[in-house]
Amino acid sequence: MGVGDERTWTITELADEFGVTLRTIRFYEEQGLLNPARNGTRRIFDDGDRVRLGLVLRGKRLGFGLDEIKKIIGMYDAAPGEVGQLQYLLEQINVRRAELELRRRDIDATLAELDDVERRCRADLARLGARPQ
């Protein structure tokens, strides 16, 4: 492929590839996270849009809000190596990691409580001569 022959995607192709709805992609476009070209009413997404969509979805999976994702996307679009950008991203990673560690502790505590309740229920059933289901 020569210069100007960059691969493009339709909204349907991107939705299928990333497993999201057309509405989701339109929403991200409305939020300024994607900026497809237009051919009449048809959206034409280039490689940059495709990469940004992947970054948005990854950010959502990691628990980042749209404002944080916009900032991170801005870093992708800017020249790499900007000290402030990299520091911001590292700070956000640390915040997110701390939130997930707290959630993990909460989940572990909840699982331990469920194990305890289950043991007591099984013991009570055995004492009563009933079989657990």
C-alpha atoms as a PDB file:
ATOM      1  CA  MET A   1       0.000   0.000   0.000  1.00  0.00           C
ATOM      2  CA  GLY A   2       1.336   3.411  -0.893  1.00  0.00           C
ATOM      3  CA  VAL A   3       1.120   6.689   0.969  1.00  0.00           C
ATOM      4  CA  GLY A   4      -2.525   7.722   1.304  1.00  0.00           C
ATOM      5  CA  ASP A   5      -3.638   4.090   1.179  1.00  0.00           C
ATOM      6  CA  GLU A   6      -3.974   3.864   4.966  1.00  0.00           C
ATOM      7  CA  ARG A   7      -6.385   1.169   6.132  1.00  0.00           C
ATOM      8  CA  THR A   8      -9.748   2.483   7.332  1.00  0.00           C
ATOM      9  CA  TRP A   9     -12.639   0.913   9.204  1.00  0.00           C
ATOM     10  CA  THR A  10     -16.377   1.432   9.350  1.00  0.00           C
ATOM     11  CA  ILE A  11     -18.136   1.875  12.662  1.00  0.00           C
ATOM     12  CA  THR A  12     -19.575  -1.638  12.306  1.00  0.00           C
ATOM     13  CA  GLU A  13     -16.139  -3.165  11.712  1.00  0.00           C
ATOM     14  CA  LEU A  14     -14.727  -1.485  14.833  1.00  0.00           C
ATOM     15  CA  ALA A  15     -17.757  -2.450  16.920  1.00  0.00           C
ATOM     16  CA  ASP A  16     -17.378  -6.076  15.839  1.00  0.00           C
ATOM     17  CA  GLU A  17     -13.617  -6.120  16.396  1.00  0.00           C
ATOM     18  CA  PHE A  18     -13.802  -4.640  19.899  1.00  0.00           C
ATOM     19  CA  GLY A  19     -17.082  -6.267  20.939  1.00  0.00           C
ATOM     20  CA  VAL A  20     -18.910  -3.005  21.624  1.00  0.00           C
ATOM     21  CA  THR A  21     -22.107  -1.471  20.317  1.00  0.00           C
ATOM     22  CA  LEU A  22     -22.357   1.201  17.644  1.00  0.00           C
ATOM     23  CA  ARG A  23     -23.876   3.417  20.323  1.00  0.00           C
ATOM     24  CA  THR A  24     -20.733   3.032  22.455  1.00  0.00           C
ATOM     25  CA  ILE A  25     -18.515   4.168  19.593  1.00  0.00           C
ATOM     26  CA  ARG A  26     -20.814   7.107  18.831  1.00  0.00           C
ATOM     27  CA  PHE A  27     -20.735   8.076  22.519  1.00  0.00           C
ATOM     28  CA  TYR A  28     -16.926   8.071  22.546  1.00  0.00           C
ATOM     29  CA  GLU A  29     -17.002  10.203  19.403  1.00  0.00           C
ATOM     30  CA  GLU A  30     -19.398  12.675  21.085  1.00  0.00           C
ATOM     31  CA  GLN A  31     -17.001  12.836  24.036  1.00  0.00           C
ATOM     32  CA  GLY A  32     -14.160  13.795  21.685  1.00  0.00           C
ATOM     33  CA  LEU A  33     -12.262  10.544  22.202  1.00  0.00           C
ATOM     34  CA  LEU A  34     -12.614   9.518  18.543  1.00  0.00           C
ATOM     35  CA  ASN A  35     -12.593  11.764  15.505  1.00  0.00           C
ATOM     36  CA  PRO A  36     -13.554   9.834  12.389  1.00  0.00           C
ATOM     37  CA  ALA A  37     -13.601  11.412   8.952  1.00  0.00           C
ATOM     38  CA  ARG A  38     -16.972  11.657   7.231  1.00  0.00           C
ATOM     39  CA  ASN A  39     -18.133  10.633   3.811  1.00  0.00           C
ATOM     40  CA  GLY A  40     -21.660  12.025   3.883  1.00  0.00           C
ATOM     41  CA  THR A  41     -23.217  10.401   6.928  1.00  0.00           C
ATOM     42  CA  ARG A  42     -20.742   7.498   6.892  1.00  0.00           C
ATOM     43  CA  ARG A  43     -17.981   7.511   9.517  1.00  0.00           C
ATOM     44  CA  ILE A  44     -14.512   6.529   8.345  1.00  0.00           C
ATOM     45  CA  PHE A  45     -12.135   5.520  11.137  1.00  0.00           C
ATOM     46  CA  ASP A  46      -8.387   5.513  10.593  1.00  0.00           C
ATOM     47  CA  ASP A  47      -5.666   3.641  12.459  1.00  0.00           C
ATOM     48  CA  GLY A  48      -5.372   6.428  15.054  1.00  0.00           C
ATOM     49  CA  ASP A  49      -9.099   6.144  15.857  1.00  0.00           C
ATOM     50  CA  ARG A  50      -8.760   2.381  16.135  1.00  0.00           C
ATOM     51  CA  VAL A  51      -5.820   2.676  18.545  1.00  0.00           C
ATOM     52  CA  ARG A  52      -7.638   5.338  20.588  1.00  0.00           C
ATOM     53  CA  LEU A  53     -10.722   3.112  20.850  1.00  0.00           C
ATOM     54  CA  GLY A  54      -8.503   0.320  22.143  1.00  0.00           C
ATOM     55  CA  LEU A  55      -6.975   2.715  24.695  1.00  0.00           C
ATOM     56  CA  VAL A  56     -10.411   3.922  25.807  1.00  0.00           C
ATOM     57  CA  LEU A  57     -11.669   0.387  26.311  1.00  0.00           C
ATOM     58  CA  ARG A  58      -8.490  -0.638  28.135  1.00  0.00           C
ATOM     59  CA  GLY A  59      -8.796   2.435  30.355  1.00  0.00           C
ATOM     60  CA  LYS A  60     -12.415   1.525  31.154  1.00  0.00           C
ATOM     61  CA  ARG A  61     -11.398  -2.061  32.006  1.00  0.00           C
ATOM     62  CA  LEU A  62      -8.733  -0.674  34.342  1.00  0.00           C
ATOM     63  CA  GLY A  63     -11.352   1.512  36.009  1.00  0.00           C
ATOM     64  CA  PHE A  64     -10.301   4.932  34.730  1.00  0.00           C
ATOM     65  CA  GLY A  65     -13.004   7.570  34.276  1.00  0.00           C
ATOM     66  CA  LEU A  66     -13.570   9.272  30.926  1.00  0.00           C
ATOM     67  CA  ASP A  67     -11.798  12.463  32.031  1.00  0.00           C
ATOM     68  CA  GLU A  68      -8.701  10.462  32.955  1.00  0.00           C
ATOM     69  CA  ILE A  69      -8.933   8.518  29.718  1.00  0.00           C
ATOM     70  CA  LYS A  70      -9.170  11.763  27.718  1.00  0.00           C
ATOM     71  CA  LYS A  71      -5.999  12.975  29.363  1.00  0.00           C
ATOM     72  CA  ILE A  72      -4.237   9.675  28.637  1.00  0.00           C
ATOM     73  CA  ILE A  73      -5.471   9.744  25.023  1.00  0.00           C
ATOM     74  CA  GLY A  74      -4.062  13.259  24.765  1.00  0.00           C
ATOM     75  CA  MET A  75      -0.719  11.826  25.848  1.00  0.00           C
ATOM     76  CA  TYR A  76      -0.936   9.252  23.058  1.00  0.00           C
ATOM     77  CA  ASP A  77      -1.576  11.989  20.504  1.00  0.00           C
ATOM     78  CA  ALA A  78       1.243  14.235  21.820  1.00  0.00           C
ATOM     79  CA  ALA A  79       4.953  13.723  21.349  1.00  0.00           C
ATOM     80  CA  PRO A  80       6.172  10.860  23.540  1.00  0.00           C
ATOM     81  CA  GLY A  81       8.390  11.380  26.545  1.00  0.00           C
ATOM     82  CA  GLU A  82       6.761  14.500  27.957  1.00  0.00           C
ATOM     83  CA  VAL A  83       7.803  14.378  31.624  1.00  0.00           C
ATOM     84  CA  GLY A  84       4.563  15.828  32.990  1.00  0.00           C
ATOM     85  CA  GLN A  85       2.457  13.420  30.959  1.00  0.00           C
ATOM     86  CA  LEU A  86       4.415  10.394  32.074  1.00  0.00           C
ATOM     87  CA  GLN A  87       4.305  11.511  35.708  1.00  0.00           C
ATOM     88  CA  TYR A  88       0.537  11.996  35.483  1.00  0.00           C
ATOM     89  CA  LEU A  89       0.100   8.532  34.012  1.00  0.00           C
ATOM     90  CA  LEU A  90       2.274   6.986  36.733  1.00  0.00           C
ATOM     91  CA  GLU A  91       0.237   8.787  39.403  1.00  0.00           C
ATOM     92  CA  GLN A  92      -2.996   7.486  37.883  1.00  0.00           C
ATOM     93  CA  ILE A  93      -1.585   3.965  37.746  1.00  0.00           C
ATOM     94  CA  ASN A  94      -0.662   4.179  41.445  1.00  0.00           C
ATOM     95  CA  VAL A  95      -4.120   5.494  42.383  1.00  0.00           C
ATOM     96  CA  ARG A  96      -5.830   2.755  40.397  1.00  0.00           C
ATOM     97  CA  ARG A  97      -3.538   0.072  41.825  1.00  0.00           C
ATOM     98  CA  ALA A  98      -4.313   1.225  45.397  1.00  0.00           C
ATOM     99  CA  GLU A  99      -8.055   1.117  44.657  1.00  0.00           C
ATOM    100  CA  LEU A 100      -7.777  -2.402  43.243  1.00  0.00           C
ATOM    101  CA  GLU A 101      -5.676  -3.612  46.193  1.00  0.00           C
ATOM    102  CA  LEU A 102      -8.343  -2.293  48.565  1.00  0.00           C
ATOM    103  CA  ARG A 103     -11.044  -4.028  46.550  1.00  0.00           C
ATOM    104  CA  ARG A 104      -9.024  -7.248  46.584  1.00  0.00           C
ATOM    105  CA  ARG A 105      -8.764  -7.081  50.401  1.00  0.00           C
ATOM    106  CA  ASP A 106     -12.526  -6.485  50.604  1.00  0.00           C
ATOM    107  CA  ILE A 107     -13.205  -9.424  48.282  1.00  0.00           C
ATOM    108  CA  ASP A 108     -10.840 -11.690  50.245  1.00  0.00           C
ATOM    109  CA  ALA A 109     -12.570 -10.713  53.508  1.00  0.00           C
ATOM    110  CA  THR A 110     -16.006 -11.341  51.993  1.00  0.00           C
ATOM    111  CA  LEU A 111     -14.919 -14.741  50.654  1.00  0.00           C
ATOM    112  CA  ALA A 112     -13.548 -15.679  54.090  1.00  0.00           C
ATOM    113  CA  GLU A 113     -16.868 -14.674  55.677  1.00  0.00           C
ATOM    114  CA  LEU A 114     -18.774 -16.771  53.126  1.00  0.00           C
ATOM    115  CA  ASP A 115     -16.494 -19.748  53.850  1.00  0.00           C
ATOM    116  CA  ASP A 116     -17.180 -19.354  57.567  1.00  0.00           C
ATOM    117  CA  VAL A 117     -20.959 -19.127  57.089  1.00  0.00           C
ATOM    118  CA  GLU A 118     -20.890 -22.110  54.731  1.00  0.00           C
ATOM    119  CA  ARG A 119     -18.925 -24.209  57.277  1.00  0.00           C
ATOM    120  CA  ARG A 120     -21.391 -23.329  60.027  1.00  0.00           C
ATOM    121  CA  CYS A 121     -24.387 -24.146  57.812  1.00  0.00           C
ATOM    122  CA  ARG A 122     -22.904 -27.510  56.835  1.00  0.00           C
ATOM    123  CA  ALA A 123     -22.080 -28.283  60.471  1.00  0.00           C
ATOM    124  CA  ASP A 124     -25.625 -27.369  61.536  1.00  0.00           C
ATOM    125  CA  LEU A 125     -27.078 -29.535  58.757  1.00  0.00           C
ATOM    126  CA  ALA A 126     -24.860 -32.467  59.768  1.00  0.00           C
ATOM    127  CA  ARG A 127     -25.856 -32.045  63.424  1.00  0.00           C
ATOM    128  CA  LEU A 128     -29.507 -32.060  62.382  1.00  0.00           C
ATOM    129  CA  GLY A 129     -28.961 -35.194  60.295  1.00  0.00           C
ATOM    130  CA  ALA A 130     -29.772 -33.484  56.997  1.00  0.00           C
ATOM    131  CA  ARG A 131     -27.671 -33.708  53.869  1.00  0.00           C
ATOM    132  CA  PRO A 132     -26.423 -30.455  52.297  1.00  0.00           C
ATOM    133  CA  GLN A 133     -27.794 -29.717  48.854  1.00  0.00           C
END
